[in-house]
Amino acid sequence: MFDLTPKHEFFVGIDSDGCAFDTMELKHKECFIPNTINYWNLQGVSKYAREAAEFVNLYSKSRGANRFPALIETLEWLRRRPEVKARGVRIEIPESLRAWVREETKLGNPALEKKVQETGDPWLRRTLEWSKAVNASVAAMVRGVPPFPYVRETLQKLQGKADIIVVSATPHEALQREWEEHNLTQYVAAICGQEIGTKKECLAVARKYPPGHSLMIGDAPGDYEAAKANGTLFFPINPGREEQSWRRFYEEGLDRFLSGRFDEKYQRELLEEFDRCLPDRPPWPVDPEP
């Protein structure tokens, strides 16, 4: 389990994809979705598969979820779409994958590879092949994407005041590459990807700091849930308004945090605005769950 020895009075966790970097759209639309259509045989309903995957991973309250539960949710929404049923395309959601996602906390390729070796399960093997293909696509495609404006300035302003870690459901290798590419690793104490554990588990280190001295910055409801579970304040980077959100944090939220003025009223105002950004149901008709 990830551990951290406090060196400063404050603690800040920061999500990466879609929060610090504008990489969410690129990764999902150009890397994840083509591989999902290919490996899960969704060519006959590719239009609807793309819409379902974009909804789950980008435009809903599931935004930012780990790739494996997000894959299951994508297939679930797709299976309930009338147009997919009308085309006679069967959407299979392996029970072995559901079980692994329920039982495993370190939802990454190393844990999945170990499970495949133990069980020889063909569905888990296909999932692993899909996940590796996604990583290869990301490595080949994602480059030259700078951090959002005010991210670097925020990190610089926090230097000497807060211990900063990256908290993400992205594989560590991709995180390390992206933060190094833009010379941002110098500002953080650790980079915690999906192999380390869930965001909730990684943020447990925030409990070492006094009340009101720890903060999570994220762009997805899962980031807030992880922060809430660990008694950590939360500043949302609102999807679609990332530049404005970072500017607001740099010019307003950061000083409130460091001066002890990040109170309940301010937190509630931020959360209410954040909640309005993402729906929990898709815009298209869905059939009842089977």
Protein backbone atom coordinates (compact mmCIF):
# COMPACT_ATOMS: atom_id res chain seq x y z
CA MET A 1 0.00 0.00 0.00
CA PHE A 2 1.19 3.52 -0.84
CA ASP A 3 2.65 5.49 2.06
CA LEU A 4 3.94 9.02 2.43
CA THR A 5 5.94 10.77 5.15
CA PRO A 6 4.60 14.33 5.52
CA LYS A 7 7.20 17.01 4.88
CA HIS A 8 4.88 20.01 4.78
CA GLU A 9 1.85 21.31 6.63
CA PHE A 10 -0.57 20.71 3.74
CA PHE A 11 -1.38 17.86 1.36
CA VAL A 12 -2.77 18.06 -2.20
CA GLY A 13 -3.77 15.15 -4.44
CA ILE A 14 -4.27 15.85 -8.14
CA ASP A 15 -5.92 13.67 -10.78
CA SER A 16 -4.18 13.60 -14.15
CA ASP A 17 -6.29 12.72 -17.24
CA GLY A 18 -8.95 15.34 -17.86
CA CYS A 19 -7.86 17.25 -14.77
CA ALA A 20 -4.22 18.29 -15.02
CA PHE A 21 -3.98 17.34 -18.70
CA ASP A 22 -6.51 17.67 -21.54
CA THR A 23 -5.97 14.04 -22.56
CA MET A 24 -9.35 12.44 -21.83
CA GLU A 25 -10.94 13.05 -25.22
CA LEU A 26 -7.82 12.03 -27.11
CA LYS A 27 -7.26 8.82 -25.15
CA HIS A 28 -10.83 7.60 -25.23
CA LYS A 29 -11.86 8.62 -28.73
CA GLU A 30 -8.61 7.63 -30.47
CA CYS A 31 -7.24 4.83 -28.26
CA PHE A 32 -9.83 3.18 -26.03
CA ILE A 33 -12.90 3.13 -28.26
CA PRO A 34 -11.33 1.69 -31.46
CA ASN A 35 -9.83 -1.12 -29.39
CA THR A 36 -13.09 -1.72 -27.55
CA ILE A 37 -14.95 -2.10 -30.85
CA ASN A 38 -12.27 -4.43 -32.18
CA TYR A 39 -11.69 -6.70 -29.18
CA TRP A 40 -15.34 -6.96 -28.14
CA ASN A 41 -16.65 -7.54 -31.69
CA LEU A 42 -18.84 -4.46 -31.78
CA GLN A 43 -18.30 -3.62 -35.45
CA GLY A 44 -21.98 -4.17 -36.23
CA VAL A 45 -23.02 -1.52 -33.72
CA SER A 46 -19.91 0.65 -33.75
CA LYS A 47 -21.87 3.91 -33.78
CA TYR A 48 -23.74 2.98 -30.63
CA ALA A 49 -20.67 1.46 -28.99
CA ARG A 50 -18.85 4.75 -29.49
CA GLU A 51 -21.72 6.74 -28.02
CA ALA A 52 -21.96 4.43 -25.00
CA ALA A 53 -18.22 4.52 -24.35
CA GLU A 54 -18.06 8.30 -24.67
CA PHE A 55 -21.02 8.69 -22.32
CA VAL A 56 -19.50 6.44 -19.64
CA ASN A 57 -15.94 7.70 -19.80
CA LEU A 58 -16.38 11.37 -20.70
CA TYR A 59 -19.89 12.74 -20.34
CA SER A 60 -21.49 11.09 -17.31
CA LYS A 61 -20.99 10.74 -13.58
CA SER A 62 -18.89 7.65 -14.33
CA ARG A 63 -16.26 9.90 -15.95
CA GLY A 64 -12.77 9.04 -14.79
CA ALA A 65 -13.62 5.52 -13.64
CA ASN A 66 -11.04 2.75 -13.88
CA ARG A 67 -11.04 1.21 -17.37
CA PHE A 68 -12.31 -2.22 -16.30
CA PRO A 69 -15.53 -1.24 -14.49
CA ALA A 70 -16.01 1.41 -17.18
CA LEU A 71 -15.83 -1.32 -19.84
CA ILE A 72 -18.53 -3.30 -18.04
CA GLU A 73 -20.75 -0.22 -17.74
CA THR A 74 -20.27 0.58 -21.43
CA LEU A 75 -21.36 -2.93 -22.39
CA GLU A 76 -24.32 -2.72 -20.01
CA TRP A 77 -25.65 0.49 -21.56
CA LEU A 78 -25.06 -0.93 -25.03
CA ARG A 79 -26.97 -4.11 -24.20
CA ARG A 80 -29.99 -2.03 -23.10
CA ARG A 81 -30.14 0.07 -26.26
CA PRO A 82 -33.11 -0.80 -28.51
CA GLU A 83 -31.17 -0.13 -31.72
CA VAL A 84 -28.55 -2.70 -30.74
CA LYS A 85 -31.17 -5.32 -30.01
CA ALA A 86 -32.87 -4.57 -33.32
CA ARG A 87 -29.66 -5.42 -35.15
CA GLY A 88 -29.41 -8.78 -33.44
CA VAL A 89 -25.96 -8.09 -32.03
CA ARG A 90 -25.41 -9.95 -28.77
CA ILE A 91 -23.51 -8.02 -26.10
CA GLU A 92 -21.72 -10.39 -23.78
CA ILE A 93 -20.57 -9.28 -20.34
CA PRO A 94 -18.42 -12.05 -18.86
CA GLU A 95 -19.23 -13.01 -15.29
CA SER A 96 -15.54 -13.75 -14.72
CA LEU A 97 -14.74 -10.10 -15.52
CA ARG A 98 -17.49 -8.86 -13.20
CA ALA A 99 -16.16 -11.09 -10.41
CA TRP A 100 -12.57 -9.94 -10.87
CA VAL A 101 -13.59 -6.27 -10.78
CA ARG A 102 -15.59 -6.88 -7.58
CA GLU A 103 -12.77 -8.73 -5.82
CA GLU A 104 -9.60 -6.95 -6.98
CA THR A 105 -8.59 -3.53 -5.60
CA LYS A 106 -5.51 -2.99 -7.77
CA LEU A 107 -7.37 -2.96 -11.07
CA GLY A 108 -4.46 -2.90 -13.49
CA ASN A 109 -2.72 -5.14 -15.99
CA PRO A 110 -0.30 -6.75 -13.50
CA ALA A 111 -3.15 -8.03 -11.31
CA LEU A 112 -5.16 -9.11 -14.35
CA GLU A 113 -2.17 -10.90 -15.87
CA LYS A 114 -1.70 -12.82 -12.64
CA LYS A 115 -5.38 -13.79 -12.63
CA VAL A 116 -5.18 -14.99 -16.23
CA GLN A 117 -2.18 -17.14 -15.41
CA GLU A 118 -4.01 -18.62 -12.42
CA THR A 119 -7.32 -19.35 -14.16
CA GLY A 120 -6.67 -19.48 -17.90
CA ASP A 121 -10.07 -17.79 -18.29
CA PRO A 122 -10.53 -16.85 -21.98
CA TRP A 123 -12.64 -13.78 -21.21
CA LEU A 124 -10.07 -12.39 -18.80
CA ARG A 125 -7.39 -13.13 -21.37
CA ARG A 126 -9.30 -11.13 -23.97
CA THR A 127 -9.72 -8.29 -21.47
CA LEU A 128 -5.98 -8.28 -20.84
CA GLU A 129 -5.25 -8.23 -24.58
CA TRP A 130 -7.68 -5.33 -24.98
CA SER A 131 -6.07 -3.42 -22.11
CA LYS A 132 -2.55 -3.96 -23.47
CA ALA A 133 -3.69 -2.81 -26.91
CA VAL A 134 -5.15 0.34 -25.35
CA ASN A 135 -1.84 1.05 -23.62
CA ALA A 136 0.04 0.57 -26.88
CA SER A 137 -2.31 2.97 -28.65
CA VAL A 138 -1.90 5.55 -25.90
CA ALA A 139 1.89 5.26 -26.03
CA ALA A 140 1.85 5.75 -29.81
CA MET A 141 -0.78 8.50 -29.91
CA VAL A 142 -0.63 10.68 -26.81
CA ARG A 143 2.13 13.24 -26.91
CA GLY A 144 2.49 16.97 -26.99
CA VAL A 145 -0.56 17.58 -24.78
CA PRO A 146 0.42 20.29 -22.28
CA PRO A 147 -1.17 20.74 -18.87
CA PHE A 148 -4.16 23.04 -18.63
CA PRO A 149 -3.35 26.73 -18.05
CA TYR A 150 -2.69 27.49 -14.36
CA VAL A 151 -1.70 23.89 -13.53
CA ARG A 152 2.02 24.62 -13.57
CA GLU A 153 1.48 27.93 -11.80
CA THR A 154 -0.53 26.17 -9.11
CA LEU A 155 2.15 23.53 -8.57
CA GLN A 156 4.79 26.24 -8.30
CA LYS A 157 2.70 28.21 -5.79
CA LEU A 158 2.31 25.09 -3.63
CA GLN A 159 6.04 24.41 -3.48
CA GLY A 160 7.35 24.48 0.07
CA LYS A 161 3.80 24.55 1.44
CA ALA A 162 2.22 21.21 0.51
CA ASP A 163 3.10 17.61 -0.25
CA ILE A 164 1.66 16.92 -3.71
CA ILE A 165 0.88 13.52 -5.22
CA VAL A 166 -0.74 12.43 -8.47
CA VAL A 167 -3.80 10.24 -7.81
CA SER A 168 -5.06 8.54 -10.95
CA ALA A 169 -6.70 5.43 -12.39
CA THR A 170 -4.28 5.62 -15.33
CA PRO A 171 -1.38 3.12 -15.57
CA HIS A 172 1.76 4.38 -13.86
CA GLU A 173 3.91 4.18 -16.98
CA ALA A 174 1.65 6.57 -18.90
CA LEU A 175 1.45 8.98 -15.97
CA GLN A 176 5.20 9.04 -15.50
CA ARG A 177 5.75 9.64 -19.22
CA GLU A 178 3.23 12.48 -19.43
CA TRP A 179 4.38 14.30 -16.27
CA GLU A 180 8.04 13.94 -17.26
CA GLU A 181 7.34 15.16 -20.81
CA HIS A 182 6.23 18.50 -19.41
CA ASN A 183 8.79 18.66 -16.60
CA LEU A 184 6.18 18.46 -13.83
CA THR A 185 7.53 15.53 -11.82
CA GLN A 186 9.81 17.97 -9.97
CA TYR A 187 6.75 19.31 -8.16
CA VAL A 188 5.25 16.05 -6.89
CA ALA A 189 6.27 13.66 -4.12
CA ALA A 190 4.74 10.59 -5.78
CA ILE A 191 2.76 9.39 -8.79
CA CYS A 192 0.09 6.85 -7.90
CA GLY A 193 -1.42 4.97 -10.85
CA GLN A 194 -3.96 2.15 -11.00
CA GLU A 195 -1.41 -0.48 -9.98
CA ILE A 196 -1.00 1.12 -6.53
CA GLY A 197 -4.66 0.86 -5.59
CA THR A 198 -7.90 2.79 -5.82
CA LYS A 199 -7.99 6.55 -5.49
CA LYS A 200 -9.65 6.08 -2.11
CA GLU A 201 -6.77 3.88 -0.95
CA CYS A 202 -4.10 6.25 -2.25
CA LEU A 203 -5.74 9.25 -0.59
CA ALA A 204 -5.68 7.52 2.79
CA VAL A 205 -2.32 9.25 3.36
CA ALA A 206 -4.27 12.51 3.70
CA ARG A 207 -5.39 11.33 7.14
CA LYS A 208 -1.87 12.08 8.38
CA TYR A 209 -2.54 15.81 8.05
CA PRO A 210 -4.62 18.07 10.33
CA PRO A 211 -8.31 18.61 9.47
CA GLY A 212 -8.71 21.11 6.65
CA HIS A 213 -5.09 20.70 5.56
CA SER A 214 -5.68 18.13 2.81
CA LEU A 215 -7.29 18.68 -0.59
CA MET A 216 -8.07 16.62 -3.70
CA ILE A 217 -8.34 18.27 -7.11
CA GLY A 218 -10.30 16.22 -9.64
CA ASP A 219 -12.67 16.27 -12.58
CA ALA A 220 -14.84 13.23 -11.82
CA PRO A 221 -17.36 12.22 -9.14
CA GLY A 222 -15.08 9.31 -8.22
CA ASP A 223 -12.42 11.84 -7.23
CA TYR A 224 -14.88 13.52 -4.88
CA GLU A 225 -15.98 10.19 -3.38
CA ALA A 226 -12.35 9.27 -2.68
CA ALA A 227 -11.77 12.66 -1.07
CA LYS A 228 -14.94 12.43 1.02
CA ALA A 229 -14.04 8.95 2.25
CA ASN A 230 -10.76 10.30 3.61
CA GLY A 231 -12.04 13.54 5.11
CA THR A 232 -10.35 15.58 2.41
CA LEU A 233 -11.53 18.86 0.91
CA PHE A 234 -12.35 18.76 -2.80
CA PHE A 235 -11.90 21.29 -5.56
CA PRO A 236 -13.62 20.26 -8.82
CA ILE A 237 -12.20 20.88 -12.27
CA ASN A 238 -15.52 21.11 -14.09
CA PRO A 239 -15.66 19.15 -17.39
CA GLY A 240 -15.97 21.58 -20.27
CA ARG A 241 -14.77 24.47 -18.11
CA GLU A 242 -11.34 23.22 -17.15
CA GLU A 243 -9.43 26.45 -17.86
CA GLN A 244 -11.89 28.52 -15.85
CA SER A 245 -11.79 26.03 -12.99
CA TRP A 246 -8.00 26.03 -12.75
CA ARG A 247 -7.89 29.81 -12.91
CA ARG A 248 -10.46 30.00 -10.11
CA PHE A 249 -8.43 27.61 -7.98
CA TYR A 250 -5.18 29.47 -8.63
CA GLU A 251 -6.67 32.91 -7.96
CA GLU A 252 -9.17 32.03 -5.22
CA GLY A 253 -9.42 28.44 -4.00
CA LEU A 254 -5.72 27.93 -3.30
CA ASP A 255 -5.49 30.96 -0.99
CA ARG A 256 -8.66 29.88 0.77
CA PHE A 257 -7.18 26.43 1.33
CA LEU A 258 -3.84 27.65 2.68
CA SER A 259 -5.45 30.30 4.92
CA GLY A 260 -8.14 28.04 6.40
CA ARG A 261 -11.01 29.80 4.64
CA PHE A 262 -12.09 26.78 2.52
CA ASP A 263 -15.28 26.46 4.60
CA GLU A 264 -18.42 24.33 4.26
CA LYS A 265 -20.34 27.01 2.39
CA TYR A 266 -17.59 27.37 -0.20
CA GLN A 267 -17.28 23.58 -0.55
CA ARG A 268 -21.04 23.21 -1.03
CA GLU A 269 -21.08 25.94 -3.68
CA LEU A 270 -18.33 24.16 -5.63
CA LEU A 271 -20.02 20.76 -5.37
CA GLU A 272 -23.41 22.04 -6.51
CA GLU A 273 -21.83 23.56 -9.62
CA PHE A 274 -19.86 20.36 -10.23
CA ASP A 275 -22.94 18.14 -9.90
CA ARG A 276 -24.71 20.02 -12.68
CA CYS A 277 -21.92 19.26 -15.16
CA LEU A 278 -22.52 15.53 -15.61
CA PRO A 279 -25.73 13.43 -15.95
CA ASP A 280 -26.21 9.93 -14.58
CA ARG A 281 -28.33 8.63 -17.47
CA PRO A 282 -27.65 8.74 -21.22
CA PRO A 283 -29.65 11.00 -23.57
CA TRP A 284 -30.97 8.05 -25.59
CA PRO A 285 -33.81 5.61 -24.70
CA VAL A 286 -32.78 2.50 -22.78
CA ASP A 287 -34.66 -0.72 -22.13
CA PRO A 288 -35.06 -2.06 -18.58
CA GLU A 289 -32.17 -4.07 -17.18
CA PRO A 290 -32.35 -7.73 -18.23
